[in-house]
Amino acid sequence: MVALSVYVSASAIVILAVVLGELYVFTLDKEIRARNLRAQFLCFLECVILTMSVIIWRTFGSRRSVRPDSNYVGVASDSKDVGQLQRRRRDQNIRAKIENENTYLSLALRVLLLFYLGSCHLAFACNIFLMAENPHWLSMLTYATFGSLIQLVTALIIIEAVHYLLKLFSKKKKLFLISSRRWRHLIVVTYTIFISVLGLYRAAQLPTVKSVSIPISKLPKSLEGFRIVQLTDIHLGPTVGRRRLEDVVEIVNSLKPDIVVMTGDLVDGSVQKLKDAVAPMQDIKSVHGKFFIAGNHEYYTGDVDNWYNHMKELGYIVLHNTNIKLPRTGVKAAQQFCLAGVDDIDAVHLGYHGHGPDIDAALSSCDPTQPVVVLAHQPRVAKTILDSSYRVDLILSGHTHGGQMFPMMIGAYLINPFFAGLYQYQGRSYVYVSEGTVYWGIPMRIGSSMEITEVLLTNR
C-alpha cells in the first residue's frame, strides 16, 4: 500500500508539473514558446528512441554465457588411452579457439550495435547543428538509421507476436523458422535491411506528377482545363536541401501551370538558416501567380511571420486567412473563381496571436456564384471548412504524407478524416490530400509516394 501511495503521489506530481509547465510556456513570447515546445517534442522523441534502443539491445546485444562442456572434459581426463587423450585435448584447444573467435566477433557486433543505436539518437540534434543549404552527410546517416530502427523494432514485435500466437494456438504444428529464436532474428534483420534500402531508394527518386481532374459545378468556359499545380510538405531542413528543390522546380515549370500553390510545411527551420535553400522557389513560373499558406512546421519554427515576408520577397501571395479572385485582370467576375487560404490549426495550439484558421475571414468575401477553391494544410481543418455554410468546391491539403512509411501510416490514417488522394464530400465538394512532394526527416518512403499534383478544373 505504501508503494502504491508513492507511485500515485509521484504520478500526480508529474502530471501537475506538466500542466503548470504548459501554462508557463504559453505565457512566453512566441519564438521562445516555439523553442520550448520543440524541446519538449525532442525529449519525447528521444524517450521513444531510447525505448526502442533498449528493446533492440536486450534482443541482439546482451551477453550470453557459454557453459563449458564438463562431461566432455571429464571423459578426456578419465581416459587411459594416451592417443585418445591427445586427440581430445587437440579438439578441446580447437574448440577453445573457436569460442575465443566467437567472443571477439560478438564483441565487435555489440560495439557496432552501440554505434548504430547512438547514431539514431543523434538524428534530431542535426536539426539544431547541421541545418544548411544542402544536407550534411551526418544528417542523412542518422535519420536513415533512425528510420531503419523503426523498421527493426516493428518487425521484431510482429514476428514475436506471430510466434506467441503460434505457440498458443498451434502447439502441434510449429513452423521451424518461427520457433527458432535464431531464425526469427535472422528474418527480422533481413527484412529490416531490405525494406530500409528500398525505402531509401524510393525517397531518393524524383516526385511523380499525379494528374487529377476535378468536376466543378457551373465552371465558366474560360476556366475549363485551368491547371493548378500543388506542392506541399517539402520539408527543407536537415535531410532536404536546395538541390532537391531545384529538381522539383524544374518539374513544376515543365507543366506550364496557370497557378502554383504551396500548401504548407515548406521548411523545418528559420529564414536565417534556410534562406539559401529555399531560393529556387522564386524560379517557379506560372500564368496567374504563386500562392503560399503556412503548415504546422512553419509554426514550429517560431519564425512564421518572417517566412511570410520572405515568401512575398520570392514572389508569392500569402493567403493568411484571405482570398483572391482569379484570374485577377482582363475578365469579368462571372469568369473568375475564388482562391482562399486558411492558417494551420496548430497556430492556435501554439498560442500564436493573430494566427489560426479563420474560416469567416477567408471565405465570407467569396462570391457564392463563383467556384471556390480552398488551401488548408491539415485535413481536419478541411473537414471543418466543408461542414461550414460556405460554398466550397475543392480543398487542397497535405500534412499526412500518406503515412510516409509503415507503421506510421496507421496513425496517420486513424487521426485524419481524409488520408490521401481524392475524396468527394456529400456529393457537392472535393478534397484532395497530397502525399507530399518530398518527405519529413527520415529519407525513406515505404508504402507511400512523393508527388507533384496537377489539378485540372473541368465542368461538371
Protein backbone atom coordinates (compact mmCIF):
# COMPACT_ATOMS: atom_id res chain seq x y z
CA MET A 1 0.00 0.00 0.00
CA VAL A 2 2.86 2.36 0.85
CA ALA A 3 4.49 1.69 -2.54
CA LEU A 4 1.17 2.29 -4.31
CA SER A 5 0.73 5.59 -2.48
CA VAL A 6 4.22 6.65 -3.51
CA TYR A 7 3.55 5.81 -7.17
CA VAL A 8 0.20 7.67 -7.14
CA SER A 9 1.77 10.72 -5.48
CA ALA A 10 4.69 10.72 -7.93
CA SER A 11 2.31 10.44 -10.90
CA ALA A 12 0.19 13.32 -9.58
CA ILE A 13 3.30 15.49 -9.14
CA VAL A 14 4.47 14.70 -12.70
CA ILE A 15 1.04 15.49 -14.19
CA LEU A 16 0.81 18.73 -12.19
CA ALA A 17 4.33 19.72 -13.28
CA VAL A 18 3.45 19.10 -16.94
CA VAL A 19 0.23 21.14 -16.69
CA LEU A 20 1.95 24.03 -14.91
CA GLY A 21 4.82 23.83 -17.39
CA GLU A 22 2.42 24.10 -20.32
CA LEU A 23 0.65 27.06 -18.72
CA TYR A 24 4.01 28.76 -18.21
CA VAL A 25 5.11 28.06 -21.78
CA PHE A 26 2.01 29.78 -23.18
CA THR A 27 2.88 32.99 -21.30
CA LEU A 28 6.17 33.32 -23.17
CA ASP A 29 7.00 35.14 -26.38
CA LYS A 30 6.01 33.09 -29.44
CA GLU A 31 9.61 32.43 -30.51
CA ILE A 32 10.64 31.29 -27.02
CA ARG A 33 7.41 29.32 -26.77
CA ALA A 34 8.08 27.54 -30.05
CA ARG A 35 11.63 26.78 -28.90
CA ASN A 36 10.37 25.31 -25.62
CA LEU A 37 7.73 23.21 -27.34
CA ARG A 38 10.32 21.91 -29.81
CA ALA A 39 12.49 20.95 -26.85
CA GLN A 40 9.57 19.08 -25.27
CA PHE A 41 8.89 17.28 -28.53
CA LEU A 42 12.58 16.42 -28.85
CA CYS A 43 12.62 14.97 -25.32
CA PHE A 44 9.56 12.89 -26.12
CA LEU A 45 11.12 11.53 -29.32
CA GLU A 46 14.39 10.77 -27.53
CA CYS A 47 12.42 8.78 -24.95
CA VAL A 48 10.77 6.82 -27.77
CA ILE A 49 14.15 6.15 -29.40
CA LEU A 50 15.59 5.14 -26.04
CA THR A 51 12.76 2.65 -25.52
CA MET A 52 13.35 1.15 -28.96
CA SER A 53 17.10 1.06 -28.31
CA VAL A 54 16.60 -0.87 -25.08
CA ILE A 55 14.39 -3.40 -26.88
CA ILE A 56 17.00 -3.92 -29.60
CA TRP A 57 19.93 -4.10 -27.17
CA ARG A 58 18.20 -6.66 -24.96
CA THR A 59 17.38 -8.71 -28.06
CA PHE A 60 20.63 -8.52 -30.02
CA GLY A 61 23.29 -7.03 -27.75
CA SER A 62 23.03 -8.78 -24.38
CA ARG A 63 25.93 -11.08 -23.41
CA ARG A 64 25.12 -14.78 -23.36
CA SER A 65 27.17 -17.01 -21.07
CA VAL A 66 28.87 -20.01 -22.63
CA ARG A 67 28.69 -23.07 -20.47
CA PRO A 68 31.71 -25.42 -20.58
CA ASP A 69 31.04 -28.98 -21.53
CA SER A 70 32.13 -30.59 -18.21
CA ASN A 71 31.17 -34.05 -19.31
CA TYR A 72 33.32 -33.67 -22.42
CA VAL A 73 36.36 -32.68 -20.34
CA GLY A 74 35.70 -35.33 -17.73
CA VAL A 75 35.71 -38.14 -20.22
CA ALA A 76 39.01 -36.92 -21.59
CA SER A 77 40.54 -36.78 -18.08
CA ASP A 78 39.43 -40.26 -17.15
CA SER A 79 40.62 -41.82 -20.37
CA LYS A 80 43.62 -44.15 -20.09
CA ASP A 81 44.25 -44.14 -23.79
CA VAL A 82 47.08 -41.62 -24.31
CA GLY A 83 46.35 -41.24 -28.03
CA GLN A 84 42.71 -40.68 -27.42
CA LEU A 85 43.55 -38.18 -24.67
CA GLN A 86 45.83 -36.23 -27.01
CA ARG A 87 43.17 -36.13 -29.72
CA ARG A 88 40.61 -34.90 -27.25
CA ARG A 89 42.96 -32.23 -25.94
CA ARG A 90 43.62 -31.11 -29.50
CA ASP A 91 39.87 -30.96 -30.14
CA GLN A 92 39.45 -29.06 -26.91
CA ASN A 93 42.06 -26.50 -27.97
CA ILE A 94 40.30 -26.06 -31.32
CA ARG A 95 37.00 -25.64 -29.51
CA ALA A 96 38.51 -23.00 -27.18
CA LYS A 97 39.98 -21.14 -30.16
CA ILE A 98 36.61 -21.08 -31.91
CA GLU A 99 34.94 -19.86 -28.73
CA ASN A 100 37.52 -17.07 -28.41
CA GLU A 101 36.94 -16.06 -32.02
CA ASN A 102 33.19 -16.07 -31.41
CA THR A 103 33.75 -13.90 -28.35
CA TYR A 104 35.71 -11.35 -30.38
CA LEU A 105 33.05 -11.42 -33.11
CA SER A 106 30.29 -10.99 -30.55
CA LEU A 107 32.15 -8.05 -29.00
CA ALA A 108 32.64 -6.42 -32.41
CA LEU A 109 28.95 -6.83 -33.22
CA ARG A 110 27.95 -5.30 -29.89
CA VAL A 111 30.22 -2.31 -30.50
CA LEU A 112 28.72 -1.92 -33.97
CA LEU A 113 25.23 -2.11 -32.47
CA LEU A 114 26.15 0.61 -29.97
CA PHE A 115 27.30 2.90 -32.79
CA TYR A 116 24.10 2.14 -34.68
CA LEU A 117 21.83 2.97 -31.75
CA GLY A 118 23.91 6.03 -30.89
CA SER A 119 23.54 7.42 -34.40
CA CYS A 120 19.76 7.10 -34.07
CA HIS A 121 19.86 9.35 -31.01
CA LEU A 122 21.85 11.98 -32.91
CA ALA A 123 19.22 12.42 -35.63
CA PHE A 124 17.26 15.27 -34.08
CA ALA A 125 20.40 17.06 -32.93
CA CYS A 126 21.06 17.62 -36.64
CA ASN A 127 18.00 19.91 -36.72
CA ILE A 128 19.91 22.23 -34.41
CA PHE A 129 23.53 21.98 -35.51
CA LEU A 130 23.52 20.82 -39.16
CA MET A 131 20.79 22.87 -40.85
CA ALA A 132 22.27 24.22 -44.08
CA GLU A 133 21.68 24.87 -47.78
CA ASN A 134 22.11 21.17 -48.58
CA PRO A 135 22.01 18.14 -46.26
CA HIS A 136 25.12 17.16 -44.31
CA TRP A 137 26.13 13.50 -44.69
CA LEU A 138 25.78 13.00 -40.94
CA SER A 139 22.17 14.20 -41.06
CA MET A 140 21.37 11.72 -43.81
CA LEU A 141 23.12 8.89 -41.95
CA THR A 142 21.50 9.49 -38.57
CA TYR A 143 18.00 9.93 -39.96
CA ALA A 144 18.43 6.82 -42.14
CA THR A 145 19.49 4.74 -39.13
CA PHE A 146 16.54 6.12 -37.17
CA GLY A 147 14.20 5.01 -39.95
CA SER A 148 15.75 1.55 -40.03
CA LEU A 149 15.40 1.33 -36.22
CA ILE A 150 11.66 1.88 -36.58
CA GLN A 151 11.52 -0.94 -39.13
CA LEU A 152 13.67 -3.21 -36.95
CA VAL A 153 11.52 -2.77 -33.84
CA THR A 154 8.30 -3.10 -35.84
CA ALA A 155 9.46 -6.34 -37.48
CA LEU A 156 10.64 -7.73 -34.14
CA ILE A 157 7.31 -7.01 -32.45
CA ILE A 158 5.34 -8.54 -35.31
CA ILE A 159 7.37 -11.74 -35.57
CA GLU A 160 7.39 -12.25 -31.78
CA ALA A 161 3.62 -11.74 -31.74
CA VAL A 162 3.21 -14.31 -34.52
CA HIS A 163 5.48 -16.72 -32.64
CA TYR A 164 3.45 -16.27 -29.46
CA LEU A 165 0.15 -16.88 -31.26
CA LEU A 166 1.53 -19.99 -32.96
CA LYS A 167 2.65 -21.36 -29.60
CA LEU A 168 -0.73 -20.53 -28.12
CA PHE A 169 -2.98 -21.98 -30.80
CA SER A 170 -0.82 -24.40 -32.82
CA LYS A 171 1.23 -26.40 -30.34
CA LYS A 172 1.41 -29.44 -32.60
CA LYS A 173 2.32 -27.62 -35.80
CA LYS A 174 5.29 -25.34 -35.25
CA LEU A 175 6.96 -23.56 -38.10
CA PHE A 176 10.71 -24.17 -37.78
CA LEU A 177 11.71 -20.67 -38.92
CA ILE A 178 9.37 -19.08 -36.36
CA SER A 179 10.01 -21.45 -33.47
CA SER A 180 13.79 -20.98 -33.65
CA ARG A 181 14.89 -17.74 -31.98
CA ARG A 182 17.99 -17.50 -34.16
CA TRP A 183 15.92 -17.81 -37.32
CA ARG A 184 13.39 -15.25 -36.09
CA HIS A 185 16.18 -12.75 -35.53
CA LEU A 186 17.67 -13.51 -38.94
CA ILE A 187 14.29 -12.89 -40.58
CA VAL A 188 13.89 -9.60 -38.70
CA VAL A 189 17.35 -8.31 -39.66
CA THR A 190 16.98 -9.42 -43.30
CA TYR A 191 13.60 -7.71 -43.57
CA THR A 192 14.94 -4.52 -41.99
CA ILE A 193 17.89 -4.30 -44.37
CA PHE A 194 15.72 -4.99 -47.42
CA ILE A 195 12.87 -2.61 -46.54
CA SER A 196 15.25 0.16 -45.43
CA VAL A 197 17.26 0.02 -48.65
CA LEU A 198 14.01 0.01 -50.64
CA GLY A 199 12.69 2.98 -48.66
CA LEU A 200 15.93 4.92 -49.14
CA TYR A 201 15.89 4.18 -52.87
CA ARG A 202 12.27 5.32 -53.29
CA ALA A 203 12.89 8.52 -51.35
CA ALA A 204 15.93 9.31 -53.50
CA GLN A 205 13.80 9.36 -56.66
CA LEU A 206 12.14 12.46 -58.10
CA PRO A 207 8.48 13.02 -57.20
CA THR A 208 5.97 11.82 -59.76
CA VAL A 209 3.33 14.03 -61.33
CA LYS A 210 -0.20 12.98 -60.38
CA SER A 211 -2.91 14.47 -62.60
CA VAL A 212 -6.38 14.84 -61.11
CA SER A 213 -9.48 16.19 -62.87
CA ILE A 214 -11.99 17.91 -60.60
CA PRO A 215 -15.54 18.48 -61.90
CA ILE A 216 -16.81 21.89 -60.76
CA SER A 217 -20.48 22.83 -60.94
CA LYS A 218 -21.14 25.68 -63.38
CA LEU A 219 -17.48 26.25 -64.09
CA PRO A 220 -17.08 29.14 -66.57
CA LYS A 221 -15.97 28.00 -70.01
CA SER A 222 -12.92 30.25 -69.78
CA LEU A 223 -11.74 28.21 -66.76
CA GLU A 224 -12.17 24.81 -68.42
CA GLY A 225 -8.86 22.98 -68.08
CA PHE A 226 -7.45 25.55 -65.64
CA ARG A 227 -4.25 23.97 -64.31
CA ILE A 228 -3.35 24.20 -60.60
CA VAL A 229 -0.04 22.67 -59.54
CA GLN A 230 0.13 21.82 -55.84
CA LEU A 231 3.33 21.49 -53.83
CA THR A 232 3.25 20.52 -50.17
CA ASP A 233 5.38 19.05 -47.39
CA ILE A 234 8.77 19.65 -48.97
CA HIS A 235 10.36 20.00 -45.51
CA LEU A 236 13.56 21.81 -46.34
CA GLY A 237 15.82 21.06 -43.40
CA PRO A 238 18.39 18.52 -42.22
CA THR A 239 17.75 15.95 -44.99
CA VAL A 240 16.18 18.00 -47.80
CA GLY A 241 18.07 20.86 -49.41
CA ARG A 242 18.43 23.21 -52.32
CA ARG A 243 19.49 20.60 -54.89
CA ARG A 244 16.34 18.60 -54.25
CA LEU A 245 14.19 21.72 -54.52
CA GLU A 246 15.78 22.67 -57.84
CA ASP A 247 14.65 19.33 -59.29
CA VAL A 248 11.11 19.99 -58.06
CA VAL A 249 11.08 23.47 -59.59
CA GLU A 250 12.20 22.09 -62.95
CA ILE A 251 9.32 19.59 -62.98
CA VAL A 252 6.78 22.25 -61.99
CA ASN A 253 7.86 24.61 -64.76
CA SER A 254 7.60 21.81 -67.33
CA LEU A 255 3.88 21.54 -66.51
CA LYS A 256 3.24 25.18 -67.52
CA PRO A 257 0.78 25.79 -64.66
CA ASP A 258 -1.83 28.53 -64.53
CA ILE A 259 -1.18 28.89 -60.80
CA VAL A 260 1.11 27.18 -58.28
CA VAL A 261 0.03 26.64 -54.67
CA MET A 262 2.28 25.68 -51.77
CA THR A 263 0.05 24.19 -49.08
CA GLY A 264 2.39 24.28 -46.09
CA ASP A 265 5.38 22.58 -44.46
CA LEU A 266 7.88 24.04 -46.87
CA VAL A 267 10.54 24.36 -44.17
CA ASP A 268 11.74 22.94 -40.86
CA GLY A 269 13.90 25.87 -39.80
CA SER A 270 14.17 29.64 -39.65
CA VAL A 271 14.61 32.05 -42.54
CA GLN A 272 18.13 32.76 -41.32
CA LYS A 273 19.13 29.09 -41.62
CA LEU A 274 17.25 28.16 -44.80
CA LYS A 275 17.20 31.34 -46.86
CA ASP A 276 19.65 29.92 -49.41
CA ALA A 277 17.96 26.51 -49.53
CA VAL A 278 14.53 27.99 -50.33
CA ALA A 279 15.83 30.39 -53.02
CA PRO A 280 14.84 28.16 -56.02
CA MET A 281 11.16 28.73 -55.14
CA GLN A 282 11.43 32.13 -56.81
CA ASP A 283 12.23 30.42 -60.13
CA ILE A 284 8.79 28.79 -60.37
CA LYS A 285 6.79 30.28 -63.23
CA SER A 286 3.01 30.39 -63.64
CA VAL A 287 0.46 32.37 -65.63
CA HIS A 288 -1.66 33.81 -62.82
CA GLY A 289 0.59 33.72 -59.78
CA LYS A 290 2.09 31.67 -56.94
CA PHE A 291 0.39 31.24 -53.57
CA PHE A 292 1.52 30.14 -50.12
CA ILE A 293 -0.06 29.07 -46.84
CA ALA A 294 1.73 28.00 -43.68
CA GLY A 295 1.68 24.46 -42.30
CA ASN A 296 2.24 23.30 -38.76
CA HIS A 297 6.01 23.09 -39.28
CA GLU A 298 6.26 26.77 -40.21
CA TYR A 299 4.71 27.49 -36.83
CA TYR A 300 7.04 25.05 -35.09
CA THR A 301 9.98 27.10 -36.33
CA GLY A 302 8.76 30.11 -34.33
CA ASP A 303 9.57 32.18 -37.43
CA VAL A 304 6.33 32.09 -39.40
CA ASP A 305 5.97 35.88 -39.76
CA ASN A 306 9.46 36.13 -41.22
CA TRP A 307 8.61 33.27 -43.57
CA TYR A 308 5.51 35.14 -44.72
CA ASN A 309 7.65 38.17 -45.52
CA HIS A 310 10.33 36.11 -47.23
CA MET A 311 7.84 34.23 -49.40
CA LYS A 312 6.46 37.58 -50.53
CA GLU A 313 10.01 38.58 -51.49
CA LEU A 314 10.20 35.38 -53.56
CA GLY A 315 7.08 36.41 -55.49
CA TYR A 316 4.37 34.54 -53.60
CA ILE A 317 0.99 35.83 -52.47
CA VAL A 318 0.46 34.71 -48.87
CA LEU A 319 -3.12 33.66 -48.14
CA HIS A 320 -3.25 34.35 -44.40
CA ASN A 321 -6.99 33.69 -43.85
CA THR A 322 -7.62 35.68 -47.02
CA ASN A 323 -8.76 35.06 -50.59
CA ILE A 324 -8.16 36.33 -54.09
CA LYS A 325 -10.25 36.26 -57.27
CA LEU A 326 -8.60 34.61 -60.27
CA PRO A 327 -7.79 35.46 -62.99
CA ARG A 328 -7.09 38.87 -61.47
CA THR A 329 -7.27 41.01 -64.63
CA GLY A 330 -8.86 41.05 -68.04
CA VAL A 331 -12.02 39.08 -67.20
CA LYS A 332 -15.43 39.73 -65.68
CA ALA A 333 -16.42 38.47 -62.22
CA ALA A 334 -18.54 35.74 -63.80
CA GLN A 335 -15.38 34.26 -65.30
CA GLN A 336 -13.42 34.15 -62.06
CA PHE A 337 -13.09 31.73 -59.16
CA CYS A 338 -12.23 32.43 -55.53
CA LEU A 339 -8.96 31.02 -54.18
CA ALA A 340 -8.82 31.11 -50.38
CA GLY A 341 -6.22 30.04 -47.85
CA VAL A 342 -6.51 29.38 -44.12
CA ASP A 343 -3.90 29.19 -41.37
CA ASP A 344 -2.90 25.93 -39.74
CA ILE A 345 -4.76 24.84 -36.64
CA ASP A 346 -1.54 24.26 -34.70
CA ALA A 347 -1.12 28.04 -34.60
CA VAL A 348 -3.93 28.00 -32.03
CA HIS A 349 -2.28 25.22 -30.03
CA LEU A 350 0.98 27.17 -30.02
CA GLY A 351 -0.74 30.38 -28.94
CA TYR A 352 0.20 32.50 -31.98
CA HIS A 353 -1.74 35.74 -31.63
CA GLY A 354 -3.46 36.73 -34.87
CA HIS A 355 -2.94 33.28 -36.39
CA GLY A 356 -5.09 30.18 -36.70
CA PRO A 357 -7.83 29.08 -39.11
CA ASP A 358 -10.46 31.80 -39.50
CA ILE A 359 -12.99 30.41 -41.96
CA ASP A 360 -15.19 33.51 -41.92
CA ALA A 361 -12.28 35.82 -42.71
CA ALA A 362 -11.11 33.55 -45.51
CA LEU A 363 -14.44 32.81 -47.20
CA SER A 364 -17.01 35.46 -46.31
CA SER A 365 -15.94 37.73 -49.18
CA CYS A 366 -16.05 34.93 -51.78
CA ASP A 367 -18.93 35.31 -54.24
CA PRO A 368 -21.18 32.23 -53.81
CA THR A 369 -21.88 32.27 -57.56
CA GLN A 370 -18.18 31.70 -58.24
CA PRO A 371 -16.33 28.39 -57.81
CA VAL A 372 -14.37 28.29 -54.55
CA VAL A 373 -11.01 26.54 -54.09
CA VAL A 374 -9.50 26.48 -50.58
CA LEU A 375 -5.95 25.76 -49.42
CA ALA A 376 -5.84 24.12 -45.97
CA HIS A 377 -2.75 22.28 -44.79
CA GLN A 378 -4.37 19.75 -42.46
CA PRO A 379 -7.30 17.52 -43.49
CA ARG A 380 -9.09 18.08 -40.18
CA VAL A 381 -9.27 21.80 -40.99
CA ALA A 382 -10.60 20.82 -44.40
CA LYS A 383 -13.37 18.84 -42.69
CA THR A 384 -14.34 21.88 -40.60
CA ILE A 385 -14.49 24.06 -43.72
CA LEU A 386 -16.65 21.53 -45.55
CA ASP A 387 -19.10 21.48 -42.65
CA SER A 388 -19.47 25.27 -42.76
CA SER A 389 -22.24 27.09 -44.62
CA TYR A 390 -19.93 28.45 -47.32
CA ARG A 391 -19.72 27.20 -50.86
CA VAL A 392 -16.59 25.09 -51.25
CA ASP A 393 -15.93 23.18 -54.46
CA LEU A 394 -12.40 21.94 -53.80
CA ILE A 395 -9.96 21.85 -50.89
CA LEU A 396 -6.28 21.09 -51.42
CA SER A 397 -4.50 19.66 -48.37
CA GLY A 398 -1.35 17.79 -47.39
CA HIS A 399 0.16 17.07 -43.97
CA THR A 400 -0.38 13.28 -43.85
CA HIS A 401 2.47 12.27 -46.24
CA GLY A 402 0.32 9.20 -46.93
CA GLY A 403 1.86 7.98 -43.67
CA GLN A 404 5.33 8.14 -45.34
CA MET A 405 6.32 4.71 -44.03
CA PHE A 406 4.98 1.71 -42.16
CA PRO A 407 3.87 1.63 -39.34
CA MET A 408 3.42 5.42 -39.04
CA MET A 409 0.78 5.30 -41.76
CA ILE A 410 -1.56 3.51 -39.36
CA GLY A 411 -1.64 6.51 -37.03
CA ALA A 412 -1.89 8.97 -39.93
CA TYR A 413 -4.87 7.06 -41.29
CA LEU A 414 -6.67 6.88 -37.95
CA ILE A 415 -6.33 10.50 -36.81
CA ASN A 416 -7.12 12.28 -40.09
CA PRO A 417 -10.61 12.49 -41.63
CA PHE A 418 -9.01 12.35 -45.08
CA PHE A 419 -5.82 10.34 -45.53
CA ALA A 420 -4.53 10.51 -49.11
CA GLY A 421 -5.90 11.05 -52.59
CA LEU A 422 -9.25 12.35 -53.81
CA TYR A 423 -12.45 12.35 -51.75
CA GLN A 424 -15.95 13.51 -52.62
CA TYR A 425 -17.82 15.01 -49.68
CA GLN A 426 -21.62 14.90 -49.51
CA GLY A 427 -21.85 14.84 -53.28
CA ARG A 428 -21.02 18.52 -53.69
CA SER A 429 -17.38 19.12 -52.74
CA TYR A 430 -13.99 17.50 -53.28
CA VAL A 431 -10.93 17.19 -51.08
CA TYR A 432 -7.54 16.23 -52.44
CA VAL A 433 -4.88 15.23 -49.91
CA SER A 434 -1.38 15.11 -51.39
CA GLU A 435 1.08 12.52 -50.06
CA GLY A 436 3.75 15.22 -50.06
CA THR A 437 6.30 16.46 -52.55
CA VAL A 438 9.34 15.14 -50.66
CA TYR A 439 9.45 13.73 -47.12
CA TRP A 440 9.91 14.74 -43.50
CA GLY A 441 13.22 13.95 -41.79
CA ILE A 442 13.67 10.23 -42.42
CA PRO A 443 14.78 9.83 -46.06
CA MET A 444 12.51 6.84 -46.66
CA ARG A 445 9.25 6.16 -48.46
CA ILE A 446 7.66 2.80 -47.67
CA GLY A 447 4.10 2.22 -48.85
CA SER A 448 3.68 5.84 -49.92
CA SER A 449 4.86 8.05 -52.76
CA MET A 450 6.15 11.57 -53.39
CA GLU A 451 4.06 13.67 -55.72
CA ILE A 452 3.61 16.96 -57.50
CA THR A 453 -0.13 17.29 -58.01
CA GLU A 454 -1.55 18.66 -61.25
CA VAL A 455 -5.20 19.62 -60.71
CA LEU A 456 -7.33 20.28 -63.79
CA LEU A 457 -10.67 22.06 -63.31
CA THR A 458 -13.45 20.74 -65.53
CA ASN A 459 -17.16 21.49 -65.88
CA ARG A 460 -19.44 19.04 -64.09
